[in-house]
C-alpha atoms as a PDB file:
ATOM      1  CA  MET A   1     -17.401   7.797   0.959  1.00  0.00           C
ATOM      2  CA  LYS A   2     -15.178   6.868   4.206  1.00  0.00           C
ATOM      3  CA  ARG A   3     -13.273   3.616   4.217  1.00  0.00           C
ATOM      4  CA  PRO A   4     -11.406   3.378   7.542  1.00  0.00           C
ATOM      5  CA  GLY A   5      -9.664   0.176   6.875  1.00  0.00           C
ATOM      6  CA  LEU A   6      -8.445   1.490   3.419  1.00  0.00           C
ATOM      7  CA  THR A   7      -7.164   4.750   5.093  1.00  0.00           C
ATOM      8  CA  LEU A   8      -5.551   2.564   7.843  1.00  0.00           C
ATOM      9  CA  LEU A   9      -3.559   0.648   5.289  1.00  0.00           C
ATOM     10  CA  ILE A  10      -2.490   3.464   3.413  1.00  0.00           C
ATOM     11  CA  LEU A  11      -1.299   5.231   6.738  1.00  0.00           C
ATOM     12  CA  ALA A  12       0.484   1.921   7.722  1.00  0.00           C
ATOM     13  CA  LEU A  13       2.352   1.567   4.454  1.00  0.00           C
ATOM     14  CA  TRP A  14       3.235   5.327   4.443  1.00  0.00           C
ATOM     15  CA  LEU A  15       4.491   5.179   7.979  1.00  0.00           C
ATOM     16  CA  LEU A  16       6.474   2.121   7.283  1.00  0.00           C
ATOM     17  CA  GLN A  17       8.678   3.861   4.827  1.00  0.00           C
ATOM     18  CA  PRO A  18      10.266   6.601   7.206  1.00  0.00           C
ATOM     19  CA  ALA A  19      10.527   3.939  10.043  1.00  0.00           C
ATOM     20  CA  TRP A  20      12.347   1.699   7.820  1.00  0.00           C
ATOM     21  CA  TYR A  21      14.743   4.209   5.969  1.00  0.00           C
ATOM     22  CA  LEU A  22      15.267   6.562   9.132  1.00  0.00           C
ATOM     23  CA  TRP A  23      15.221   4.209  12.073  1.00  0.00           C
ATOM     24  CA  LEU A  24      15.079   0.494  11.566  1.00  0.00           C
ATOM     25  CA  SER A  25      17.331  -0.125   8.807  1.00  0.00           C
ATOM     26  CA  PRO A  26      19.053   3.057   7.342  1.00  0.00           C
ATOM     27  CA  PRO A  27      20.666   2.688   3.880  1.00  0.00           C
ATOM     28  CA  THR A  28      24.474   3.056   3.537  1.00  0.00           C
ATOM     29  CA  VAL A  29      24.575   4.199  -0.017  1.00  0.00           C
ATOM     30  CA  LEU A  30      21.971   6.829  -0.301  1.00  0.00           C
ATOM     31  CA  PRO A  31      21.180   9.594   2.453  1.00  0.00           C
ATOM     32  CA  PRO A  32      18.436   7.875   4.565  1.00  0.00           C
ATOM     33  CA  TRP A  33      16.247  10.983   4.494  1.00  0.00           C
ATOM     34  CA  PHE A  34      16.253  10.673   0.368  1.00  0.00           C
ATOM     35  CA  ALA A  35      15.427   7.118   0.625  1.00  0.00           C
ATOM     36  CA  ALA A  36      12.487   7.613   3.184  1.00  0.00           C
ATOM     37  CA  THR A  37      11.077  10.359   0.924  1.00  0.00           C
ATOM     38  CA  ALA A  38      11.416   8.563  -2.181  1.00  0.00           C
ATOM     39  CA  MET A  39       9.672   5.727  -0.900  1.00  0.00           C
ATOM     40  CA  ALA A  40       6.866   7.595   0.776  1.00  0.00           C
ATOM     41  CA  LEU A  41       6.141  10.105  -1.848  1.00  0.00           C
ATOM     42  CA  PRO A  42       4.090   7.692  -4.218  1.00  0.00           C
ATOM     43  CA  LEU A  43       1.706   7.035  -1.299  1.00  0.00           C
ATOM     44  CA  LEU A  44       1.159  10.873  -0.433  1.00  0.00           C
ATOM     45  CA  PRO A  45      -1.659  11.634  -2.968  1.00  0.00           C
ATOM     46  CA  ALA A  46      -3.494   8.403  -1.872  1.00  0.00           C
ATOM     47  CA  LEU A  47      -3.130   9.219   1.847  1.00  0.00           C
ATOM     48  CA  LEU A  48      -4.409  12.833   1.422  1.00  0.00           C
ATOM     49  CA  LEU A  49      -7.287  11.606  -0.655  1.00  0.00           C
ATOM     50  CA  ALA A  50      -8.055   9.101   1.936  1.00  0.00           C
ATOM     51  CA  LEU A  51      -8.005  11.404   4.860  1.00  0.00           C
ATOM     52  CA  LEU A  52     -10.426  13.806   2.732  1.00  0.00           C
ATOM     53  CA  GLY A  53     -12.700  10.880   2.086  1.00  0.00           C
ATOM     54  CA  ARG A  54     -12.457  10.547  -1.596  1.00  0.00           C
ATOM     55  CA  PRO A  55     -13.482   7.639  -3.512  1.00  0.00           C
ATOM     56  CA  SER A  56     -10.388   7.827  -5.834  1.00  0.00           C
ATOM     57  CA  ALA A  57      -8.034   7.107  -2.731  1.00  0.00           C
ATOM     58  CA  GLY A  58      -8.379   3.408  -3.195  1.00  0.00           C
ATOM     59  CA  PHE A  59      -7.435   3.372  -6.913  1.00  0.00           C
ATOM     60  CA  TRP A  60      -4.212   5.683  -6.154  1.00  0.00           C
ATOM     61  CA  GLY A  61      -3.422   3.765  -3.047  1.00  0.00           C
ATOM     62  CA  GLY A  62      -3.711   0.508  -4.959  1.00  0.00           C
ATOM     63  CA  LEU A  63      -1.475   1.831  -7.801  1.00  0.00           C
ATOM     64  CA  ALA A  64       1.309   2.920  -5.191  1.00  0.00           C
ATOM     65  CA  ALA A  65       0.893  -0.367  -3.412  1.00  0.00           C
ATOM     66  CA  LEU A  66       1.950  -2.304  -6.588  1.00  0.00           C
ATOM     67  CA  PHE A  67       5.297  -0.382  -6.612  1.00  0.00           C
ATOM     68  CA  HIS A  68       5.586  -1.368  -2.714  1.00  0.00           C
ATOM     69  CA  PHE A  69       4.666  -5.019  -3.368  1.00  0.00           C
ATOM     70  CA  SER A  70       7.402  -5.086  -6.089  1.00  0.00           C
ATOM     71  CA  HIS A  71      10.051  -3.334  -3.742  1.00  0.00           C
ATOM     72  CA  GLY A  72       9.076  -5.624  -0.836  1.00  0.00           C
ATOM     73  CA  VAL A  73       9.389  -8.873  -2.720  1.00  0.00           C
ATOM     74  CA  THR A  74      12.598  -7.865  -4.215  1.00  0.00           C
ATOM     75  CA  GLU A  75      14.091  -6.944  -0.918  1.00  0.00           C
ATOM     76  CA  LEU A  76      12.886 -10.387   0.566  1.00  0.00           C
ATOM     77  CA  TRP A  77      14.788 -12.063  -1.933  1.00  0.00           C
ATOM     78  CA  ALA A  78      17.952  -9.978  -2.252  1.00  0.00           C
ATOM     79  CA  ASN A  79      18.311  -8.744   1.368  1.00  0.00           C
ATOM     80  CA  PRO A  80      17.686 -11.061   4.268  1.00  0.00           C
ATOM     81  CA  ALA A  81      18.812  -8.610   6.766  1.00  0.00           C
ATOM     82  CA  VAL A  82      15.406  -6.656   6.343  1.00  0.00           C
ATOM     83  CA  MET A  83      13.292  -9.781   5.837  1.00  0.00           C
ATOM     84  CA  ALA A  84      10.651  -8.716   8.478  1.00  0.00           C
ATOM     85  CA  LEU A  85      10.487  -5.051   7.175  1.00  0.00           C
ATOM     86  CA  ALA A  86      10.041  -6.499   3.380  1.00  0.00           C
ATOM     87  CA  ALA A  87       7.504  -8.991   4.470  1.00  0.00           C
ATOM     88  CA  THR A  88       5.567  -6.331   6.227  1.00  0.00           C
ATOM     89  CA  GLU A  89       5.584  -4.155   3.253  1.00  0.00           C
ATOM     90  CA  THR A  90       4.512  -6.937   0.842  1.00  0.00           C
ATOM     91  CA  ALA A  91       1.658  -7.761   3.256  1.00  0.00           C
ATOM     92  CA  LEU A  92       0.515  -4.374   3.559  1.00  0.00           C
ATOM     93  CA  SER A  93       0.570  -3.810   0.002  1.00  0.00           C
ATOM     94  CA  VAL A  94      -1.450  -7.005  -0.594  1.00  0.00           C
ATOM     95  CA  ALA A  95      -3.916  -6.013   1.905  1.00  0.00           C
ATOM     96  CA  LEU A  96      -4.141  -2.446   0.571  1.00  0.00           C
ATOM     97  CA  VAL A  97      -4.927  -3.882  -3.113  1.00  0.00           C
ATOM     98  CA  VAL A  98      -7.509  -6.179  -1.696  1.00  0.00           C
ATOM     99  CA  ALA A  99      -8.962  -3.219   0.291  1.00  0.00           C
ATOM    100  CA  ALA A 100      -9.032  -0.899  -2.730  1.00  0.00           C
ATOM    101  CA  SER A 101     -10.634  -3.601  -4.928  1.00  0.00           C
ATOM    102  CA  TRP A 102     -13.035  -4.959  -2.337  1.00  0.00           C
ATOM    103  CA  GLN A 103     -16.210  -2.941  -3.280  1.00  0.00           C
ATOM    104  CA  GLY A 104     -15.777  -4.078  -7.092  1.00  0.00           C
ATOM    105  CA  LEU A 105     -15.127  -7.737  -6.067  1.00  0.00           C
ATOM    106  CA  LYS A 106     -18.414  -7.680  -4.087  1.00  0.00           C
ATOM    107  CA  ALA A 107     -20.430  -6.194  -6.965  1.00  0.00           C
ATOM    108  CA  ARG A 108     -19.110  -8.694  -9.436  1.00  0.00           C
ATOM    109  CA  ALA A 109     -20.014 -11.500  -7.017  1.00  0.00           C
ATOM    110  CA  ALA A 110     -23.337 -10.209  -6.578  1.00  0.00           C
ATOM    111  CA  ARG A 111     -24.003 -10.000 -10.288  1.00  0.00           C
ATOM    112  CA  ARG A 112     -22.892 -13.502 -10.633  1.00  0.00           C
ATOM    113  CA  ARG A 113     -25.223 -14.638  -7.977  1.00  0.00           C
ATOM    114  CA  SER A 114     -28.386 -12.784  -9.206  1.00  0.00           C
ATOM    115  CA  PRO A 115     -30.311 -14.412 -12.051  1.00  0.00           C
ATOM    116  CA  PRO A 116     -30.018 -12.597 -15.512  1.00  0.00           C
ATOM    117  CA  THR A 117     -32.843 -10.039 -16.221  1.00  0.00           C
ATOM    118  CA  GLU A 118     -34.631 -10.393 -19.672  1.00  0.00           C
END
């Protein structure tokens, strides 16, 4: 099953990591390549599954997005220098979790609207 919005969100969150750590705001404590790899790696299985059109891409993307959401919120509070990057990461993570859950949310809403069958 193809879900282009989900694939684009996974790709955007994945591309944000090397852009952030290699170009826009490289870390001073760790080597930039290490930070970029460590942050992009959890999204790689979801990205590959999404590009292959596998339904499990949403699950793995949503799971990785929870990690990136936590990281983004932490950076928002702790590091004002990267506020825009952290806000982007947080927003992409929330959008990814919603996109990954959308079909289940629609099915649940449809069950609530339909009368019970006996």
